[in-house]
Each structure stands twice: as C-alpha cells, then as structure tokens.
PDB file of N, CA and C in Angstrom:
ATOM      1  N   MET A   1      24.088 -17.066  42.497  1.00  0.00           N
ATOM      2  CA  MET A   1      22.863 -16.690  42.299  1.00  0.00           C
ATOM      3  C   MET A   1      22.432 -15.349  41.723  1.00  0.00           C
ATOM      4  N   THR A   2      22.605 -14.722  42.306  1.00  0.00           N
ATOM      5  CA  THR A   2      22.079 -13.042  42.305  1.00  0.00           C
ATOM      6  C   THR A   2      23.208 -12.491  41.075  1.00  0.00           C
ATOM      7  N   ASP A   3      24.625 -12.959  41.380  1.00  0.00           N
ATOM      8  CA  ASP A   3      25.185 -12.012  40.521  1.00  0.00           C
ATOM      9  C   ASP A   3      24.759 -12.602  39.248  1.00  0.00           C
ATOM     10  N   ILE A   4      24.471 -13.586  38.973  1.00  0.00           N
ATOM     11  CA  ILE A   4      24.000 -14.260  37.433  1.00  0.00           C
ATOM     12  C   ILE A   4      22.763 -13.618  37.344  1.00  0.00           C
ATOM     13  N   ARG A   5      21.467 -13.163  37.922  1.00  0.00           N
ATOM     14  CA  ARG A   5      20.689 -12.496  37.344  1.00  0.00           C
ATOM     15  C   ARG A   5      20.986 -11.423  37.100  1.00  0.00           C
ATOM     16  N   HIS A   6      21.784 -10.675  37.903  1.00  0.00           N
ATOM     17  CA  HIS A   6      22.389  -9.288  37.769  1.00  0.00           C
ATOM     18  C   HIS A   6      22.927  -9.249  36.532  1.00  0.00           C
ATOM     19  N   THR A   7      23.474 -10.150  36.239  1.00  0.00           N
ATOM     20  CA  THR A   7      24.437 -10.202  34.821  1.00  0.00           C
ATOM     21  C   THR A   7      23.739 -10.218  33.831  1.00  0.00           C
ATOM     22  N   LEU A   8      22.931 -10.881  33.873  1.00  0.00           N
ATOM     23  CA  LEU A   8      21.428 -11.528  32.836  1.00  0.00           C
ATOM     24  C   LEU A   8      20.913  -9.849  32.542  1.00  0.00           C
ATOM     25  N   ARG A   9      20.340  -9.162  33.757  1.00  0.00           N
ATOM     26  CA  ARG A   9      19.349  -8.112  33.745  1.00  0.00           C
ATOM     27  C   ARG A   9      20.016  -7.009  32.939  1.00  0.00           C
ATOM     28  N   GLU A  10      21.677  -7.012  33.426  1.00  0.00           N
ATOM     29  CA  GLU A  10      22.478  -5.642  32.853  1.00  0.00           C
ATOM     30  C   GLU A  10      22.612  -6.240  31.155  1.00  0.00           C
ATOM     31  N   GLN A  11      22.873  -7.219  30.822  1.00  0.00           N
ATOM     32  CA  GLN A  11      22.880  -7.733  29.068  1.00  0.00           C
ATOM     33  C   GLN A  11      21.832  -7.257  28.821  1.00  0.00           C
ATOM     34  N   SER A  12      20.881  -7.598  29.562  1.00  0.00           N
ATOM     35  CA  SER A  12      19.572  -7.586  28.692  1.00  0.00           C
ATOM     36  C   SER A  12      18.744  -5.903  28.504  1.00  0.00           C
ATOM     37  N   ARG A  13      18.968  -5.132  29.508  1.00  0.00           N
ATOM     38  CA  ARG A  13      19.260  -3.832  29.723  1.00  0.00           C
ATOM     39  C   ARG A  13      20.261  -3.273  28.478  1.00  0.00           C
ATOM     40  N   ASN A  14      21.424  -3.387  27.892  1.00  0.00           N
ATOM     41  CA  ASN A  14      22.237  -3.216  27.232  1.00  0.00           C
ATOM     42  C   ASN A  14      21.723  -3.507  25.655  1.00  0.00           C
ATOM     43  N   ALA A  15      21.237  -4.878  25.458  1.00  0.00           N
ATOM     44  CA  ALA A  15      20.792  -5.021  24.679  1.00  0.00           C
ATOM     45  C   ALA A  15      19.869  -4.150  23.941  1.00  0.00           C
ATOM     46  N   PHE A  16      18.594  -4.038  25.029  1.00  0.00           N
ATOM     47  CA  PHE A  16      17.231  -3.232  24.825  1.00  0.00           C
ATOM     48  C   PHE A  16      17.872  -2.016  24.122  1.00  0.00           C
ATOM     49  N   ALA A  17      19.113  -1.212  25.026  1.00  0.00           N
ATOM     50  CA  ALA A  17      19.342   0.376  24.653  1.00  0.00           C
ATOM     51  C   ALA A  17      20.382  -0.079  23.306  1.00  0.00           C
ATOM     52  N   ASN A  18      20.724  -0.633  23.058  1.00  0.00           N
ATOM     53  CA  ASN A  18      21.611  -0.709  21.508  1.00  0.00           C
ATOM     54  C   ASN A  18      20.841  -1.385  20.319  1.00  0.00           C
ATOM     55  N   ALA A  19      19.634  -1.253  20.743  1.00  0.00           N
ATOM     56  CA  ALA A  19      18.805  -2.377  19.628  1.00  0.00           C
ATOM     57  C   ALA A  19      18.393  -0.860  18.553  1.00  0.00           C
ATOM     58  N   GLU A  20      18.660  -1.054  17.565  1.00  0.00           N
ATOM     59  CA  GLU A  20      18.497  -0.130  16.283  1.00  0.00           C
ATOM     60  C   GLU A  20      16.664   0.150  16.474  1.00  0.00           C
ATOM     61  N   PRO A  21      16.605   1.612  16.807  1.00  0.00           N
ATOM     62  CA  PRO A  21      15.173   1.851  16.221  1.00  0.00           C
ATOM     63  C   PRO A  21      14.480   1.584  15.111  1.00  0.00           C
ATOM     64  N   ARG A  22      12.946   1.211  15.686  1.00  0.00           N
ATOM     65  CA  ARG A  22      11.888   1.073  14.738  1.00  0.00           C
ATOM     66  C   ARG A  22      11.930   2.453  13.737  1.00  0.00           C
ATOM     67  N   LEU A  23      11.614   2.188  12.258  1.00  0.00           N
ATOM     68  CA  LEU A  23      11.244   3.495  12.025  1.00  0.00           C
ATOM     69  C   LEU A  23       9.897   3.370  11.961  1.00  0.00           C
ATOM     70  N   GLY A  24       9.339   4.640  12.414  1.00  0.00           N
ATOM     71  CA  GLY A  24       7.667   4.730  12.067  1.00  0.00           C
ATOM     72  C   GLY A  24       7.059   3.639  12.991  1.00  0.00           C
ATOM     73  N   GLY A  25       7.089   2.993  13.742  1.00  0.00           N
ATOM     74  CA  GLY A  25       6.517   2.000  14.452  1.00  0.00           C
ATOM     75  C   GLY A  25       5.578   0.925  13.911  1.00  0.00           C
ATOM     76  N   PRO A  26       4.816   0.855  13.995  1.00  0.00           N
ATOM     77  CA  PRO A  26       4.165  -0.284  13.519  1.00  0.00           C
ATOM     78  C   PRO A  26       3.589   0.187  12.187  1.00  0.00           C
ATOM     79  N   THR A  27       3.496  -0.335  10.812  1.00  0.00           N
ATOM     80  CA  THR A  27       2.759   0.596   9.850  1.00  0.00           C
ATOM     81  C   THR A  27       1.014   0.223   9.790  1.00  0.00           C
ATOM     82  N   VAL A  28       0.375   1.051   9.280  1.00  0.00           N
ATOM     83  CA  VAL A  28      -1.098   1.405   9.082  1.00  0.00           C
ATOM     84  C   VAL A  28      -1.643   1.288   7.697  1.00  0.00           C
ATOM     85  N   PRO A  29      -2.253  -0.320   7.257  1.00  0.00           N
ATOM     86  CA  PRO A  29      -2.308   0.054   5.939  1.00  0.00           C
ATOM     87  C   PRO A  29      -3.593   0.755   5.701  1.00  0.00           C
ATOM     88  N   ALA A  30      -3.042   1.097   4.316  1.00  0.00           N
ATOM     89  CA  ALA A  30      -4.030   2.393   3.852  1.00  0.00           C
ATOM     90  C   ALA A  30      -5.212   1.819   3.946  1.00  0.00           C
ATOM     91  N   ALA A  31      -5.876   3.147   3.848  1.00  0.00           N
ATOM     92  CA  ALA A  31      -7.928   2.619   3.555  1.00  0.00           C
ATOM     93  C   ALA A  31      -7.973   2.111   2.176  1.00  0.00           C
ATOM     94  N   VAL A  32      -8.821   1.313   1.647  1.00  0.00           N
ATOM     95  CA  VAL A  32      -9.018   0.605   0.599  1.00  0.00           C
ATOM     96  C   VAL A  32     -10.525   1.457   0.117  1.00  0.00           C
ATOM     97  N   ARG A  33     -10.284   2.052  -1.156  1.00  0.00           N
ATOM     98  CA  ARG A  33     -11.547   2.927  -1.552  1.00  0.00           C
ATOM     99  C   ARG A  33     -12.801   1.919  -2.286  1.00  0.00           C
ATOM    100  N   HIS A  34     -13.753   1.859  -0.929  1.00  0.00           N
ATOM    101  CA  HIS A  34     -14.943   0.837  -1.310  1.00  0.00           C
ATOM    102  C   HIS A  34     -15.521   0.848  -2.768  1.00  0.00           C
ATOM    103  N   TRP A  35     -15.423   1.973  -3.531  1.00  0.00           N
ATOM    104  CA  TRP A  35     -16.089   1.757  -4.793  1.00  0.00           C
ATOM    105  C   TRP A  35     -15.301   1.167  -6.259  1.00  0.00           C
ATOM    106  N   LYS A  36     -13.636   1.723  -5.621  1.00  0.00           N
ATOM    107  CA  LYS A  36     -12.553   0.413  -6.399  1.00  0.00           C
ATOM    108  C   LYS A  36     -12.686  -0.891  -5.892  1.00  0.00           C
ATOM    109  N   LEU A  37     -13.470  -1.123  -4.938  1.00  0.00           N
ATOM    110  CA  LEU A  37     -13.002  -2.660  -4.243  1.00  0.00           C
ATOM    111  C   LEU A  37     -14.262  -3.468  -4.614  1.00  0.00           C
ATOM    112  N   TRP A  38     -15.444  -2.159  -5.055  1.00  0.00           N
ATOM    113  CA  TRP A  38     -16.754  -2.368  -5.930  1.00  0.00           C
ATOM    114  C   TRP A  38     -16.993  -3.090  -7.389  1.00  0.00           C
ATOM    115  N   LEU A  39     -16.089  -1.931  -7.722  1.00  0.00           N
ATOM    116  CA  LEU A  39     -15.615  -2.419  -9.312  1.00  0.00           C
ATOM    117  C   LEU A  39     -14.768  -3.493  -9.962  1.00  0.00           C
ATOM    118  N   LEU A  40     -13.639  -3.659  -9.018  1.00  0.00           N
ATOM    119  CA  LEU A  40     -13.457  -4.817  -9.097  1.00  0.00           C
ATOM    120  C   LEU A  40     -13.847  -6.218  -9.014  1.00  0.00           C
ATOM    121  N   THR A  41     -14.156  -6.132  -8.341  1.00  0.00           N
ATOM    122  CA  THR A  41     -15.509  -7.555  -7.670  1.00  0.00           C
ATOM    123  C   THR A  41     -16.070  -7.772  -8.497  1.00  0.00           C
ATOM    124  N   VAL A  42     -17.365  -6.767  -9.012  1.00  0.00           N
ATOM    125  CA  VAL A  42     -17.852  -6.985 -10.173  1.00  0.00           C
ATOM    126  C   VAL A  42     -17.286  -7.378 -11.852  1.00  0.00           C
ATOM    127  N   CYS A  43     -16.403  -7.051 -11.442  1.00  0.00           N
ATOM    128  CA  CYS A  43     -15.220  -7.240 -12.988  1.00  0.00           C
ATOM    129  C   CYS A  43     -14.978  -8.427 -12.857  1.00  0.00           C
ATOM    130  N   ALA A  44     -14.413  -9.010 -11.732  1.00  0.00           N
ATOM    131  CA  ALA A  44     -14.531 -10.623 -11.254  1.00  0.00           C
ATOM    132  C   ALA A  44     -15.095 -11.692 -11.101  1.00  0.00           C
ATOM    133  N   ILE A  45     -16.280 -10.956 -10.689  1.00  0.00           N
ATOM    134  CA  ILE A  45     -17.176 -11.986  -9.991  1.00  0.00           C
ATOM    135  C   ILE A  45     -18.291 -12.335 -11.301  1.00  0.00           C
ATOM    136  N   TYR A  46     -18.509 -11.357 -12.171  1.00  0.00           N
ATOM    137  CA  TYR A  46     -19.550 -11.670 -13.832  1.00  0.00           C
ATOM    138  C   TYR A  46     -18.856 -12.973 -14.064  1.00  0.00           C
ATOM    139  N   PRO A  47     -17.560 -12.962 -14.472  1.00  0.00           N
ATOM    140  CA  PRO A  47     -17.282 -13.720 -15.587  1.00  0.00           C
ATOM    141  C   PRO A  47     -17.360 -15.263 -14.934  1.00  0.00           C
ATOM    142  N   THR A  48     -16.916 -15.197 -13.353  1.00  0.00           N
ATOM    143  CA  THR A  48     -16.685 -16.464 -12.571  1.00  0.00           C
ATOM    144  C   THR A  48     -17.905 -17.184 -12.359  1.00  0.00           C
ATOM    145  N   ILE A  49     -19.114 -16.000 -12.570  1.00  0.00           N
ATOM    146  CA  ILE A  49     -20.602 -16.982 -12.025  1.00  0.00           C
ATOM    147  C   ILE A  49     -20.899 -17.285 -13.792  1.00  0.00           C
ATOM    148  N   VAL A  50     -20.262 -16.908 -14.759  1.00  0.00           N
ATOM    149  CA  VAL A  50     -20.597 -17.264 -16.119  1.00  0.00           C
ATOM    150  C   VAL A  50     -20.156 -18.690 -16.252  1.00  0.00           C
ATOM    151  N   LEU A  51     -18.901 -18.813 -16.312  1.00  0.00           N
ATOM    152  CA  LEU A  51     -17.945 -19.826 -16.318  1.00  0.00           C
ATOM    153  C   LEU A  51     -18.377 -21.270 -15.194  1.00  0.00           C
ATOM    154  N   LEU A  52     -18.746 -20.475 -13.949  1.00  0.00           N
ATOM    155  CA  LEU A  52     -19.601 -21.780 -13.654  1.00  0.00           C
ATOM    156  C   LEU A  52     -20.971 -21.999 -13.741  1.00  0.00           C
ATOM    157  N   GLY A  53     -21.550 -21.271 -14.272  1.00  0.00           N
ATOM    158  CA  GLY A  53     -23.243 -21.618 -14.541  1.00  0.00           C
ATOM    159  C   GLY A  53     -22.576 -22.483 -15.786  1.00  0.00           C
ATOM    160  N   LEU A  54     -22.292 -22.256 -17.066  1.00  0.00           N
ATOM    161  CA  LEU A  54     -21.931 -23.020 -18.195  1.00  0.00           C
ATOM    162  C   LEU A  54     -21.197 -24.312 -17.842  1.00  0.00           C
ATOM    163  N   ALA A  55     -20.738 -24.412 -16.708  1.00  0.00           N
ATOM    164  CA  ALA A  55     -19.509 -25.925 -16.419  1.00  0.00           C
ATOM    165  C   ALA A  55     -20.367 -26.557 -15.814  1.00  0.00           C
ATOM    166  N   THR A  56     -21.493 -26.027 -15.433  1.00  0.00           N
ATOM    167  CA  THR A  56     -22.709 -27.273 -14.140  1.00  0.00           C
ATOM    168  C   THR A  56     -24.091 -27.070 -14.615  1.00  0.00           C
ATOM    169  N   ASN A  57     -24.105 -26.131 -16.230  1.00  0.00           N
ATOM    170  CA  ASN A  57     -25.130 -26.442 -16.708  1.00  0.00           C
ATOM    171  C   ASN A  57     -25.855 -28.273 -17.133  1.00  0.00           C
ATOM    172  N   PRO A  58     -25.391 -28.326 -17.627  1.00  0.00           N
ATOM    173  CA  PRO A  58     -25.373 -29.848 -17.795  1.00  0.00           C
ATOM    174  C   PRO A  58     -25.899 -30.548 -16.482  1.00  0.00           C
ATOM    175  N   VAL A  59     -25.446 -30.806 -15.839  1.00  0.00           N
ATOM    176  CA  VAL A  59     -25.801 -31.296 -13.979  1.00  0.00           C
ATOM    177  C   VAL A  59     -27.327 -30.672 -13.638  1.00  0.00           C
ATOM    178  N   LEU A  60     -26.891 -29.433 -13.339  1.00  0.00           N
ATOM    179  CA  LEU A  60     -27.936 -28.515 -12.522  1.00  0.00           C
ATOM    180  C   LEU A  60     -28.884 -28.111 -13.616  1.00  0.00           C
ATOM    181  N   GLU A  61     -29.184 -28.392 -14.782  1.00  0.00           N
ATOM    182  CA  GLU A  61     -30.632 -27.183 -15.600  1.00  0.00           C
ATOM    183  C   GLU A  61     -31.682 -28.095 -15.424  1.00  0.00           C
ATOM    184  N   ASP A  62     -31.896 -29.391 -15.200  1.00  0.00           N
ATOM    185  CA  ASP A  62     -33.381 -29.999 -14.490  1.00  0.00           C
ATOM    186  C   ASP A  62     -33.679 -29.112 -13.083  1.00  0.00           C
ATOM    187  N   LEU A  63     -33.042 -28.682 -12.182  1.00  0.00           N
ATOM    188  CA  LEU A  63     -33.378 -27.691 -10.946  1.00  0.00           C
ATOM    189  C   LEU A  63     -33.854 -26.529 -10.737  1.00  0.00           C
ATOM    190  N   TYR A  64     -34.492 -26.266 -10.216  1.00  0.00           N
ATOM    191  CA  TYR A  64     -35.138 -24.813 -10.136  1.00  0.00           C
ATOM    192  C   TYR A  64     -34.136 -23.872  -9.733  1.00  0.00           C
ATOM    193  N   LEU A  65     -34.136 -23.065  -9.903  1.00  0.00           N
ATOM    194  CA  LEU A  65     -33.640 -21.598 -10.176  1.00  0.00           C
ATOM    195  C   LEU A  65     -32.499 -21.708  -8.925  1.00  0.00           C
ATOM    196  N   PRO A  66     -33.641 -21.486  -7.369  1.00  0.00           N
ATOM    197  CA  PRO A  66     -33.058 -21.246  -6.824  1.00  0.00           C
ATOM    198  C   PRO A  66     -32.207 -22.147  -5.680  1.00  0.00           C
ATOM    199  N   VAL A  67     -32.257 -23.736  -6.125  1.00  0.00           N
ATOM    200  CA  VAL A  67     -31.633 -24.657  -6.289  1.00  0.00           C
ATOM    201  C   VAL A  67     -30.310 -24.489  -7.007  1.00  0.00           C
ATOM    202  N   ARG A  68     -29.843 -24.215  -7.851  1.00  0.00           N
ATOM    203  CA  ARG A  68     -29.011 -23.942  -8.848  1.00  0.00           C
ATOM    204  C   ARG A  68     -27.833 -22.637  -8.252  1.00  0.00           C
ATOM    205  N   LEU A  69     -28.632 -21.820  -7.520  1.00  0.00           N
ATOM    206  CA  LEU A  69     -28.015 -20.581  -7.220  1.00  0.00           C
ATOM    207  C   LEU A  69     -27.353 -21.089  -5.642  1.00  0.00           C
ATOM    208  N   ALA A  70     -28.083 -22.107  -5.179  1.00  0.00           N
ATOM    209  CA  ALA A  70     -27.875 -22.552  -3.468  1.00  0.00           C
ATOM    210  C   ALA A  70     -26.216 -22.839  -4.024  1.00  0.00           C
ATOM    211  N   VAL A  71     -26.250 -23.598  -5.170  1.00  0.00           N
ATOM    212  CA  VAL A  71     -24.891 -24.227  -5.925  1.00  0.00           C
ATOM    213  C   VAL A  71     -24.138 -23.339  -6.282  1.00  0.00           C
ATOM    214  N   LEU A  72     -24.424 -22.598  -6.755  1.00  0.00           N
ATOM    215  CA  LEU A  72     -23.348 -21.635  -7.373  1.00  0.00           C
ATOM    216  C   LEU A  72     -22.411 -20.648  -6.740  1.00  0.00           C
ATOM    217  N   VAL A  73     -23.514 -20.082  -6.322  1.00  0.00           N
ATOM    218  CA  VAL A  73     -23.242 -18.895  -5.111  1.00  0.00           C
ATOM    219  C   VAL A  73     -22.127 -19.151  -4.356  1.00  0.00           C
ATOM    220  N   PRO A  74     -22.107 -20.603  -3.501  1.00  0.00           N
ATOM    221  CA  PRO A  74     -20.894 -20.605  -2.367  1.00  0.00           C
ATOM    222  C   PRO A  74     -19.505 -21.329  -3.319  1.00  0.00           C
ATOM    223  N   ALA A  75     -19.619 -21.883  -4.461  1.00  0.00           N
ATOM    224  CA  ALA A  75     -18.765 -22.192  -5.442  1.00  0.00           C
ATOM    225  C   ALA A  75     -18.086 -20.739  -5.714  1.00  0.00           C
ATOM    226  N   ALA A  76     -18.757 -19.862  -5.921  1.00  0.00           N
ATOM    227  CA  ALA A  76     -18.124 -18.256  -6.876  1.00  0.00           C
ATOM    228  C   ALA A  76     -17.743 -17.857  -5.806  1.00  0.00           C
ATOM    229  N   ALA A  77     -18.493 -17.767  -4.097  1.00  0.00           N
ATOM    230  CA  ALA A  77     -18.061 -17.402  -3.379  1.00  0.00           C
ATOM    231  C   ALA A  77     -16.697 -17.639  -2.777  1.00  0.00           C
ATOM    232  N   ALA A  78     -16.363 -18.984  -2.766  1.00  0.00           N
ATOM    233  CA  ALA A  78     -14.975 -19.793  -2.596  1.00  0.00           C
ATOM    234  C   ALA A  78     -13.833 -19.264  -3.630  1.00  0.00           C
ATOM    235  N   VAL A  79     -14.095 -19.645  -4.773  1.00  0.00           N
ATOM    236  CA  VAL A  79     -13.588 -18.969  -5.811  1.00  0.00           C
ATOM    237  C   VAL A  79     -13.023 -17.602  -6.038  1.00  0.00           C
ATOM    238  N   MET A  80     -13.804 -16.801  -5.828  1.00  0.00           N
ATOM    239  CA  MET A  80     -13.510 -15.466  -5.279  1.00  0.00           C
ATOM    240  C   MET A  80     -12.732 -15.301  -3.915  1.00  0.00           C
ATOM    241  N   VAL A  81     -12.980 -15.739  -2.892  1.00  0.00           N
ATOM    242  CA  VAL A  81     -12.267 -15.488  -1.776  1.00  0.00           C
ATOM    243  C   VAL A  81     -10.749 -16.128  -1.480  1.00  0.00           C
ATOM    244  N   TRP A  82     -10.605 -17.270  -2.149  1.00  0.00           N
ATOM    245  CA  TRP A  82      -9.871 -18.172  -2.232  1.00  0.00           C
ATOM    246  C   TRP A  82      -8.996 -18.239  -3.380  1.00  0.00           C
ATOM    247  N   GLN A  83      -9.148 -17.422  -4.171  1.00  0.00           N
ATOM    248  CA  GLN A  83      -8.273 -17.574  -5.828  1.00  0.00           C
ATOM    249  C   GLN A  83      -7.828 -15.984  -6.228  1.00  0.00           C
ATOM    250  N   ILE A  84      -9.308 -15.461  -6.380  1.00  0.00           N
ATOM    251  CA  ILE A  84      -9.511 -14.559  -7.384  1.00  0.00           C
ATOM    252  C   ILE A  84      -9.181 -13.239  -6.538  1.00  0.00           C
ATOM    253  N   ASN A  85      -9.634 -12.879  -5.331  1.00  0.00           N
ATOM    254  CA  ASN A  85      -9.624 -11.965  -4.816  1.00  0.00           C
ATOM    255  C   ASN A  85      -7.990 -11.571  -4.575  1.00  0.00           C
ATOM    256  N   PRO A  86      -7.592 -12.712  -4.011  1.00  0.00           N
ATOM    257  CA  PRO A  86      -5.559 -12.417  -3.204  1.00  0.00           C
ATOM    258  C   PRO A  86      -4.820 -12.013  -4.718  1.00  0.00           C
ATOM    259  N   ARG A  87      -5.265 -12.487  -5.751  1.00  0.00           N
ATOM    260  CA  ARG A  87      -4.606 -12.173  -6.891  1.00  0.00           C
ATOM    261  C   ARG A  87      -4.818 -10.360  -6.993  1.00  0.00           C
ATOM    262  N   LEU A  88      -5.908 -10.168  -7.425  1.00  0.00           N
ATOM    263  CA  LEU A  88      -6.493  -9.092  -7.792  1.00  0.00           C
ATOM    264  C   LEU A  88      -5.868  -7.746  -6.786  1.00  0.00           C
ATOM    265  N   GLN A  89      -5.791  -8.252  -5.281  1.00  0.00           N
ATOM    266  CA  GLN A  89      -5.770  -7.298  -4.523  1.00  0.00           C
ATOM    267  C   GLN A  89      -3.932  -7.339  -4.574  1.00  0.00           C
ATOM    268  N   ARG A  90      -3.351  -8.224  -5.284  1.00  0.00           N
ATOM    269  CA  ARG A  90      -2.146  -8.151  -4.988  1.00  0.00           C
ATOM    270  C   ARG A  90      -1.214  -6.997  -6.140  1.00  0.00           C
ATOM    271  N   HIS A  91      -2.233  -7.652  -7.503  1.00  0.00           N
ATOM    272  CA  HIS A  91      -1.847  -6.780  -8.682  1.00  0.00           C
ATOM    273  C   HIS A  91      -2.530  -5.046  -8.332  1.00  0.00           C
ATOM    274  N   PHE A  92      -3.882  -5.075  -8.025  1.00  0.00           N
ATOM    275  CA  PHE A  92      -4.480  -3.818  -8.271  1.00  0.00           C
ATOM    276  C   PHE A  92      -4.368  -3.016  -7.004  1.00  0.00           C
ATOM    277  N   GLY A  93      -3.615  -3.220  -5.680  1.00  0.00           N
ATOM    278  CA  GLY A  93      -3.199  -2.899  -4.333  1.00  0.00           C
ATOM    279  C   GLY A  93      -3.247  -1.730  -4.138  1.00  0.00           C
ATOM    280  N   ALA A  94      -2.178  -0.820  -5.369  1.00  0.00           N
ATOM    281  CA  ALA A  94      -1.776   0.415  -4.520  1.00  0.00           C
ATOM    282  C   ALA A  94      -2.852   1.308  -5.292  1.00  0.00           C
ATOM    283  N   TRP A  95      -3.684   0.838  -6.609  1.00  0.00           N
ATOM    284  CA  TRP A  95      -4.865   1.456  -7.083  1.00  0.00           C
ATOM    285  C   TRP A  95      -5.909   1.545  -6.120  1.00  0.00           C
ATOM    286  N   LEU A  96      -6.526   0.736  -5.439  1.00  0.00           N
ATOM    287  CA  LEU A  96      -7.007   0.159  -4.296  1.00  0.00           C
ATOM    288  C   LEU A  96      -7.225   1.538  -3.536  1.00  0.00           C
ATOM    289  N   THR A  97      -6.082   1.753  -2.907  1.00  0.00           N
ATOM    290  CA  THR A  97      -6.120   2.572  -1.627  1.00  0.00           C
ATOM    291  C   THR A  97      -5.470   4.051  -2.138  1.00  0.00           C
ATOM    292  N   ARG A  98      -5.168   4.511  -3.601  1.00  0.00           N
ATOM    293  CA  ARG A  98      -5.043   5.850  -3.996  1.00  0.00           C
ATOM    294  C   ARG A  98      -6.303   6.587  -4.057  1.00  0.00           C
TER     295      ARG A  98
END
C-alpha cells in the first residue's frame, strides 16, 4: 500500500515539475475609461428608450408619466444589460480601455 502511495506522489511531483510554466500568471483586465463607457451607454440607451416608448405608446399612453416610466425603465435596462451592452463591449472593448 505504501509503495503505491509513494509511486503516486512521485508521479505527481514529476508531472508538476515537467509542466510548462504559465506565461505571465493570471491576466488582469485593463481598466475601462468611465467617460467612454458613459458615452457608449448614452448612445445606446437613447434609441432604446425612444423605440420602446414608440412601441408601447398605444398601450401606455393613458397612464401617468411615472407609471409609464416604471414600465419603460426596467424594460430598457434589461435590453441594455442582456442584449446591447455585451455586443457593444465586444465591438468597442479595445477602445474602452485605451
């Protein structure tokens, strides 16, 4: 039993010693410039809110403005978080960190 343990330990040590070293260790993402993220968000959220407002206007036009906004804001935030932002960050990622 001890021979098996000893053999497994040796194999483990040899495998670790012969492993290729990692280049540079873990990567740290570059810092995003906040003004660029703000500009990108403004450019994306304006048409999103306008289109959602136009699409929901026939249904929500009789409601008070705070109630309409209570419907539009969560819908716009959901579209931004799960649809628009990932695409924008993929496309403009290098620019955001320059």
